[in-house]
């Protein structure tokens, strides 16, 4: 496959770390291709995402700062003036073949010879509209319809997402979405030692770990209910939760979590350790009894991919996408059923080996890189 020059739009909101690490992994994966197949990559970033550039390790990369952010002011300016102000002259100066992920098609988009390929992580708004205010729900739906109508290609992260896409957007006949299942790429051996994170975070006992943002659909409470169920059986497990809420609409959930811990006398069994440096978070996952992914809705879960690279066991809610990710190596439970989750936790406390071989990272990463490039180049 002839190499191309790819623009990566590294402009996600920094609160959505999943999107940022998806793009970081996309770029790093290209290291695993033969040199003559490695694309040249131009990363367009802004001040919000600049601090994450140090995590991008790739020799054929160029970084370009742009005065660009996704905001309502730019959105309505594009809409009323019938010109896409998300697509700037910065992109046209670098001889790009593809720009990814370009998702904003408000007004006429003059892309010259650049293919604009979009990425939709999931279709959560179709299943849980209550998690969006009316304006965000309207704009999200309009964005997705414009992607289908105007982009040159679309990448989705799972077969589950393709199924949802076909369910809700029958106009897809304009182009077929491509599935790119990403892989988490990091040096496991370079992570902090068990002694270091044990001392730093006071994790003196074995623990299960939950590493999700504090949103209602991430389903933290079911884990606490499972912990209580185990306690009722005379089994005292420990839970460590990473992540720190930093928006006012998270306060109610945190209060609910803290009230449940207090009301059920679980304080000695639960640690809320906050938002951590990524290497510390991964190290805590590495030394955990098991990783729990209890979410009621997910795209292709970064947490699960991190666990796979760490070769850790995973207990996950029985979403189709989780089953697709874990296959017969996962432990699954109904996300509304604390007893099922407790039973899986009980098995892993004293049962099978906590490590599992998901395949070697170089081979998995090369497959990821090839599928990504094939997804981008399919319209070129």
Protein backbone atom coordinates (compact mmCIF):
# COMPACT_ATOMS: atom_id res chain seq x y z
CA UNK A 1 0.00 0.00 0.00
CA UNK A 2 1.45 3.37 -1.03
CA UNK A 3 1.97 5.67 1.92
CA UNK A 4 -0.07 8.87 2.14
CA UNK A 5 0.11 12.17 3.97
CA UNK A 6 -2.48 12.23 6.73
CA UNK A 7 -3.73 15.14 8.78
CA UNK A 8 -4.86 14.27 12.30
CA UNK A 9 -7.26 16.75 13.88
CA UNK A 10 -6.16 16.63 17.53
CA UNK A 11 -8.76 19.07 18.82
CA UNK A 12 -10.99 17.07 21.16
CA UNK A 13 -12.08 18.50 24.47
CA UNK A 14 -9.40 17.49 26.96
CA UNK A 15 -12.07 16.17 29.36
CA UNK A 16 -12.82 13.38 26.87
CA UNK A 17 -9.58 11.47 27.32
CA UNK A 18 -10.89 8.48 25.39
CA UNK A 19 -10.93 10.50 22.17
CA UNK A 20 -7.45 11.89 22.74
CA UNK A 21 -5.92 8.50 23.49
CA UNK A 22 -7.67 7.00 20.49
CA UNK A 23 -5.80 9.42 18.23
CA UNK A 24 -2.52 8.97 20.12
CA UNK A 25 -2.79 5.22 19.61
CA UNK A 26 -3.69 5.67 15.93
CA UNK A 27 -0.44 7.55 15.36
CA UNK A 28 1.75 5.30 17.51
CA UNK A 29 0.38 2.21 15.76
CA UNK A 30 2.00 3.33 12.50
CA UNK A 31 5.41 2.58 14.07
CA UNK A 32 4.57 -1.11 13.68
CA UNK A 33 4.31 -0.91 9.88
CA UNK A 34 7.25 -1.42 7.50
CA UNK A 35 9.04 1.87 6.93
CA UNK A 36 7.89 2.20 3.31
CA UNK A 37 4.25 1.86 4.41
CA UNK A 38 4.41 4.40 7.22
CA UNK A 39 2.45 7.55 6.34
CA UNK A 40 3.60 11.07 6.95
CA UNK A 41 1.34 12.57 9.61
CA UNK A 42 0.57 16.21 10.38
CA UNK A 43 -0.99 16.70 13.80
CA UNK A 44 -3.14 19.82 14.12
CA UNK A 45 -3.48 20.78 17.78
CA UNK A 46 -4.61 23.72 19.88
CA UNK A 47 -3.63 25.04 23.32
CA UNK A 48 -6.12 22.74 25.01
CA UNK A 49 -4.50 19.57 23.65
CA UNK A 50 -0.88 20.71 23.44
CA UNK A 51 0.08 19.01 26.72
CA UNK A 52 -0.74 15.59 25.24
CA UNK A 53 1.67 15.90 22.31
CA UNK A 54 4.54 14.49 24.38
CA UNK A 55 2.77 11.14 24.35
CA UNK A 56 2.92 10.89 20.56
CA UNK A 57 5.98 8.85 19.60
CA UNK A 58 6.32 8.61 15.82
CA UNK A 59 9.23 9.62 13.59
CA UNK A 60 7.25 10.83 10.55
CA UNK A 61 5.15 13.39 12.36
CA UNK A 62 4.87 17.17 12.17
CA UNK A 63 3.01 19.29 14.73
CA UNK A 64 1.05 22.37 13.65
CA UNK A 65 -0.78 24.63 16.10
CA UNK A 66 -4.11 25.97 14.88
CA UNK A 67 -6.52 28.50 16.32
CA UNK A 68 -9.41 26.08 16.25
CA UNK A 69 -11.87 24.73 18.78
CA UNK A 70 -15.32 23.22 18.51
CA UNK A 71 -17.70 25.84 19.89
CA UNK A 72 -21.18 27.21 19.28
CA UNK A 73 -19.88 30.56 18.01
CA UNK A 74 -17.98 28.93 15.15
CA UNK A 75 -20.90 26.57 14.55
CA UNK A 76 -23.49 29.31 14.05
CA UNK A 77 -21.06 31.46 12.06
CA UNK A 78 -20.62 28.52 9.66
CA UNK A 79 -24.35 27.96 9.52
CA UNK A 80 -25.45 31.51 8.79
CA UNK A 81 -22.60 32.48 6.43
CA UNK A 82 -22.88 29.12 4.59
CA UNK A 83 -19.17 28.47 4.81
CA UNK A 84 -17.45 25.88 6.98
CA UNK A 85 -15.23 27.77 9.43
CA UNK A 86 -14.05 24.50 10.95
CA UNK A 87 -12.14 23.81 7.74
CA UNK A 88 -9.32 26.36 7.66
CA UNK A 89 -6.47 27.31 5.34
CA UNK A 90 -4.10 25.66 7.81
CA UNK A 91 -5.17 22.30 6.42
CA UNK A 92 -4.64 23.14 2.76
CA UNK A 93 -0.98 24.15 3.15
CA UNK A 94 0.40 20.70 3.93
CA UNK A 95 -0.34 18.60 0.83
CA UNK A 96 -2.67 16.30 2.72
CA UNK A 97 -4.41 13.33 1.17
CA UNK A 98 -6.75 12.80 4.13
CA UNK A 99 -7.90 14.76 7.17
CA UNK A 100 -9.17 12.70 10.11
CA UNK A 101 -11.37 12.89 12.07
CA UNK A 102 -13.24 15.73 10.39
CA UNK A 103 -16.82 15.67 11.67
CA UNK A 104 -18.16 19.19 11.22
CA UNK A 105 -19.96 19.88 7.96
CA UNK A 106 -21.87 23.08 8.67
CA UNK A 107 -22.05 25.09 5.50
CA UNK A 108 -20.13 24.51 2.27
CA UNK A 109 -16.80 22.74 2.85
CA UNK A 110 -14.03 23.53 0.36
CA UNK A 111 -11.68 20.60 0.80
CA UNK A 112 -9.86 20.84 -2.55
CA UNK A 113 -8.01 17.51 -2.92
CA UNK A 114 -8.26 16.50 0.74
CA UNK A 115 -10.56 13.62 1.64
CA UNK A 116 -12.48 14.36 4.84
CA UNK A 117 -12.97 11.16 6.83
CA UNK A 118 -15.13 11.19 9.94
CA UNK A 119 -15.21 9.10 13.10
CA UNK A 120 -18.23 8.37 15.30
CA UNK A 121 -17.26 6.58 18.53
CA UNK A 122 -20.80 5.54 19.45
CA UNK A 123 -24.50 6.38 19.21
CA UNK A 124 -25.20 6.89 22.89
CA UNK A 125 -27.64 9.74 22.28
CA UNK A 126 -30.02 7.31 20.57
CA UNK A 127 -30.18 5.03 23.59
CA UNK A 128 -29.78 7.47 26.47
CA UNK A 129 -31.10 10.86 25.28
CA UNK A 130 -31.68 11.83 28.91
CA UNK A 131 -27.92 12.33 29.30
CA UNK A 132 -27.99 15.23 26.82
CA UNK A 133 -29.68 18.60 27.03
CA UNK A 134 -32.06 19.45 24.19
CA UNK A 135 -29.63 21.70 22.34
CA UNK A 136 -26.77 19.19 22.48
CA UNK A 137 -29.10 16.41 21.40
CA UNK A 138 -30.30 18.42 18.39
CA UNK A 139 -26.79 19.47 17.35
CA UNK A 140 -25.39 15.95 17.77
CA UNK A 141 -28.10 14.47 15.57
CA UNK A 142 -27.60 17.21 12.96
CA UNK A 143 -23.85 16.57 12.99
CA UNK A 144 -24.25 12.85 12.39
CA UNK A 145 -26.66 13.38 9.51
CA UNK A 146 -24.24 15.86 7.92
CA UNK A 147 -21.39 13.38 8.32
CA UNK A 148 -23.35 10.79 6.38
CA UNK A 149 -24.35 13.32 3.74
CA UNK A 150 -21.08 15.18 3.22
CA UNK A 151 -17.98 13.30 4.38
CA UNK A 152 -15.83 11.16 2.08
CA UNK A 153 -15.69 8.26 4.52
CA UNK A 154 -16.65 7.13 7.99
CA UNK A 155 -14.75 5.04 10.51
CA UNK A 156 -16.56 3.21 13.31
CA UNK A 157 -14.91 1.33 16.14
CA UNK A 158 -16.92 -1.90 16.28
CA UNK A 159 -19.45 -4.10 14.53
CA UNK A 160 -21.85 -3.06 17.27
CA UNK A 161 -21.47 0.58 16.17
CA UNK A 162 -22.06 -0.43 12.53
CA UNK A 163 -25.26 -2.20 13.57
CA UNK A 164 -26.44 0.93 15.40
CA UNK A 165 -25.48 3.10 12.43
CA UNK A 166 -27.52 0.98 10.04
CA UNK A 167 -30.43 1.01 12.48
CA UNK A 168 -30.64 4.79 12.78
CA UNK A 169 -29.15 6.17 9.53
CA UNK A 170 -30.60 4.38 6.48
CA UNK A 171 -29.08 7.05 4.22
CA UNK A 172 -25.75 5.27 4.66
CA UNK A 173 -25.90 3.99 1.05
CA UNK A 174 -23.69 6.94 0.06
CA UNK A 175 -20.74 5.07 1.54
CA UNK A 176 -20.08 2.05 3.73
CA UNK A 177 -18.50 2.71 7.13
CA UNK A 178 -15.20 0.97 7.90
CA UNK A 179 -14.55 -0.82 11.18
CA UNK A 180 -11.27 0.06 12.92
CA UNK A 181 -10.87 -1.67 16.30
CA UNK A 182 -8.13 0.21 18.09
CA UNK A 183 -5.44 -1.16 20.40
CA UNK A 184 -3.89 0.53 23.44
CA UNK A 185 -0.16 0.94 22.91
CA UNK A 186 2.26 1.51 25.78
CA UNK A 187 5.36 -0.05 27.31
CA UNK A 188 4.10 -2.31 30.08
CA UNK A 189 7.59 -2.86 31.49
CA UNK A 190 8.18 0.91 31.84
CA UNK A 191 5.20 1.43 34.16
CA UNK A 192 5.82 2.34 37.82
CA UNK A 193 6.53 -0.56 40.16
CA UNK A 194 4.00 -2.16 42.45
CA UNK A 195 5.93 -0.84 45.46
CA UNK A 196 5.78 2.72 44.07
CA UNK A 197 2.01 2.84 43.46
CA UNK A 198 1.29 0.90 46.66
CA UNK A 199 3.06 3.55 48.70
CA UNK A 200 1.78 6.52 46.69
CA UNK A 201 -1.89 5.48 46.75
CA UNK A 202 -1.88 3.43 49.95
CA UNK A 203 -3.13 0.28 48.20
CA UNK A 204 -2.00 -2.21 50.81
CA UNK A 205 -4.62 -4.84 49.98
CA UNK A 206 -5.69 -6.62 46.81
CA UNK A 207 -8.28 -4.62 44.87
CA UNK A 208 -10.54 -4.54 41.82
CA UNK A 209 -10.22 -1.39 39.73
CA UNK A 210 -12.77 0.78 37.90
CA UNK A 211 -11.28 3.47 35.61
CA UNK A 212 -14.18 5.44 34.14
CA UNK A 213 -15.26 9.05 34.13
CA UNK A 214 -17.96 9.83 36.63
CA UNK A 215 -21.06 9.84 34.44
CA UNK A 216 -24.32 8.14 35.41
CA UNK A 217 -24.18 5.68 32.51
CA UNK A 218 -20.71 4.52 33.61
CA UNK A 219 -22.59 2.69 36.35
CA UNK A 220 -20.25 3.03 39.34
CA UNK A 221 -23.08 2.31 41.77
CA UNK A 222 -23.58 -1.25 40.55
CA UNK A 223 -20.00 -2.01 41.60
CA UNK A 224 -20.68 -0.72 45.11
CA UNK A 225 -23.87 -2.79 45.26
CA UNK A 226 -21.87 -5.87 44.25
CA UNK A 227 -19.36 -5.04 46.98
CA UNK A 228 -22.20 -4.94 49.50
CA UNK A 229 -23.51 -8.27 48.17
CA UNK A 230 -20.10 -9.85 48.73
CA UNK A 231 -19.94 -8.37 52.21
CA UNK A 232 -23.32 -9.96 52.99
CA UNK A 233 -21.75 -13.30 51.99
CA UNK A 234 -18.85 -12.70 54.37
CA UNK A 235 -16.44 -11.80 51.55
CA UNK A 236 -14.57 -8.52 51.98
CA UNK A 237 -13.27 -7.29 48.62
CA UNK A 238 -11.77 -3.90 47.85
CA UNK A 239 -12.53 -1.44 45.04
CA UNK A 240 -10.29 1.29 43.70
CA UNK A 241 -11.92 3.91 41.44
CA UNK A 242 -9.84 6.34 39.39
CA UNK A 243 -11.08 9.57 37.81
CA UNK A 244 -12.01 12.96 39.17
CA UNK A 245 -15.20 14.83 38.33
CA UNK A 246 -14.61 18.44 37.38
CA UNK A 247 -18.02 19.63 36.27
CA UNK A 248 -20.94 20.74 38.39
CA UNK A 249 -23.27 18.15 36.87
CA UNK A 250 -21.08 15.38 38.33
CA UNK A 251 -21.68 16.53 41.91
CA UNK A 252 -25.01 14.73 42.36
CA UNK A 253 -23.49 11.43 41.25
CA UNK A 254 -20.45 11.78 43.52
CA UNK A 255 -22.68 12.62 46.44
CA UNK A 256 -24.79 9.55 45.70
CA UNK A 257 -21.68 7.37 45.57
CA UNK A 258 -20.28 8.77 48.81
CA UNK A 259 -23.66 8.46 50.54
CA UNK A 260 -23.95 4.81 49.47
CA UNK A 261 -20.45 4.05 50.76
CA UNK A 262 -21.22 5.64 54.10
CA UNK A 263 -24.71 4.15 54.49
CA UNK A 264 -23.42 0.62 53.86
CA UNK A 265 -20.22 0.91 55.89
CA UNK A 266 -17.94 0.37 52.88
CA UNK A 267 -15.45 3.15 53.59
CA UNK A 268 -12.65 0.71 54.42
CA UNK A 269 -13.22 -1.16 51.16
CA UNK A 270 -13.48 1.69 48.62
CA UNK A 271 -10.82 4.16 47.48
CA UNK A 272 -11.61 7.12 45.22
CA UNK A 273 -8.11 8.10 44.14
CA UNK A 274 -8.93 10.90 41.69
CA UNK A 275 -7.61 11.76 38.23
CA UNK A 276 -4.12 10.27 37.93
CA UNK A 277 -1.14 10.51 35.62
CA UNK A 278 -1.80 7.91 32.94
CA UNK A 279 1.25 5.83 33.82
CA UNK A 280 0.04 5.58 37.43
CA UNK A 281 -3.47 4.61 36.33
CA UNK A 282 -2.08 1.87 34.09
CA UNK A 283 0.21 0.62 36.84
CA UNK A 284 -2.73 0.38 39.24
CA UNK A 285 -4.60 -1.61 36.59
CA UNK A 286 -1.57 -3.86 36.09
CA UNK A 287 -1.44 -4.84 39.77
CA UNK A 288 -5.21 -5.14 40.29
CA UNK A 289 -7.02 -8.40 40.89
CA UNK A 290 -9.18 -7.60 37.89
CA UNK A 291 -10.44 -4.67 35.82
CA UNK A 292 -14.19 -4.00 35.98
CA UNK A 293 -15.97 -2.19 33.14
CA UNK A 294 -19.60 -1.81 34.35
CA UNK A 295 -20.84 0.79 31.84
CA UNK A 296 -24.39 0.74 30.50
CA UNK A 297 -23.21 2.07 27.13
CA UNK A 298 -19.79 2.14 25.46
CA UNK A 299 -17.99 2.54 22.22
CA UNK A 300 -14.86 0.42 21.85
CA UNK A 301 -13.72 0.68 25.47
CA UNK A 302 -10.28 2.19 26.06
CA UNK A 303 -10.31 0.68 29.56
CA UNK A 304 -10.75 -2.81 28.14
CA UNK A 305 -8.02 -2.28 25.55
CA UNK A 306 -5.68 -1.08 28.31
CA UNK A 307 -6.48 -4.25 30.27
CA UNK A 308 -5.80 -6.41 27.20
CA UNK A 309 -2.39 -4.83 26.68
CA UNK A 310 -1.71 -5.46 30.39
CA UNK A 311 -3.00 -9.05 29.93
CA UNK A 312 -5.43 -8.60 32.79
CA UNK A 313 -8.76 -10.33 33.32
CA UNK A 314 -11.85 -8.19 32.72
CA UNK A 315 -15.36 -8.32 34.15
CA UNK A 316 -17.63 -6.28 31.88
CA UNK A 317 -21.30 -5.50 31.45
CA UNK A 318 -22.82 -7.74 28.81
CA UNK A 319 -23.04 -5.11 26.07
CA UNK A 320 -22.59 -6.43 22.54
CA UNK A 321 -19.52 -4.24 22.09
CA UNK A 322 -17.90 -5.68 25.25
CA UNK A 323 -18.57 -9.22 24.08
CA UNK A 324 -17.06 -8.27 20.71
CA UNK A 325 -13.98 -6.90 22.46
CA UNK A 326 -13.41 -9.71 24.96
CA UNK A 327 -14.85 -12.80 23.30
CA UNK A 328 -14.70 -15.95 25.39
CA UNK A 329 -11.98 -14.51 27.62
CA UNK A 330 -14.30 -12.05 29.37
CA UNK A 331 -16.59 -12.37 32.38
CA UNK A 332 -19.95 -10.72 31.72
CA UNK A 333 -22.88 -9.55 33.83
CA UNK A 334 -26.19 -7.76 33.42
CA UNK A 335 -25.38 -4.09 34.18
CA UNK A 336 -28.51 -3.91 36.37
CA UNK A 337 -27.67 -7.07 38.34
CA UNK A 338 -25.30 -6.62 41.27
CA UNK A 339 -25.57 -10.29 42.24
CA UNK A 340 -24.17 -11.39 38.85
CA UNK A 341 -21.27 -8.97 39.18
CA UNK A 342 -20.59 -10.10 42.75
CA UNK A 343 -20.47 -13.73 41.62
CA UNK A 344 -17.88 -12.96 38.94
CA UNK A 345 -15.82 -11.00 41.46
CA UNK A 346 -16.01 -13.95 43.86
CA UNK A 347 -14.73 -16.30 41.14
CA UNK A 348 -11.75 -14.08 40.35
CA UNK A 349 -10.80 -13.49 43.98
CA UNK A 350 -9.79 -17.12 44.42
CA UNK A 351 -10.26 -18.70 41.02
CA UNK A 352 -8.43 -18.63 37.68
CA UNK A 353 -5.10 -17.04 36.82
CA UNK A 354 -5.48 -13.26 36.72
CA UNK A 355 -3.42 -12.93 33.55
CA UNK A 356 -4.74 -13.87 30.13
CA UNK A 357 -3.02 -13.76 26.75
CA UNK A 358 -4.93 -11.55 24.33
CA UNK A 359 -2.21 -11.90 21.69
CA UNK A 360 1.14 -10.19 21.44
CA UNK A 361 1.06 -6.41 21.22
CA UNK A 362 3.18 -5.98 18.04
CA UNK A 363 0.92 -8.24 15.97
CA UNK A 364 -2.27 -6.73 17.39
CA UNK A 365 -0.96 -3.21 16.76
CA UNK A 366 0.10 -3.90 13.17
CA UNK A 367 -3.40 -5.21 12.42
CA UNK A 368 -4.83 -2.05 13.97
CA UNK A 369 -2.57 0.21 11.89
CA UNK A 370 -3.39 -1.59 8.65
CA UNK A 371 -7.14 -1.49 9.25
CA UNK A 372 -6.91 2.22 10.08
CA UNK A 373 -5.06 3.06 6.86
CA UNK A 374 -7.39 0.88 4.80
CA UNK A 375 -10.33 2.73 6.35
CA UNK A 376 -8.82 6.09 5.42
CA UNK A 377 -7.66 5.15 1.94
CA UNK A 378 -10.80 3.36 0.82
CA UNK A 379 -12.05 6.54 -0.91
CA UNK A 380 -8.72 7.65 -2.36
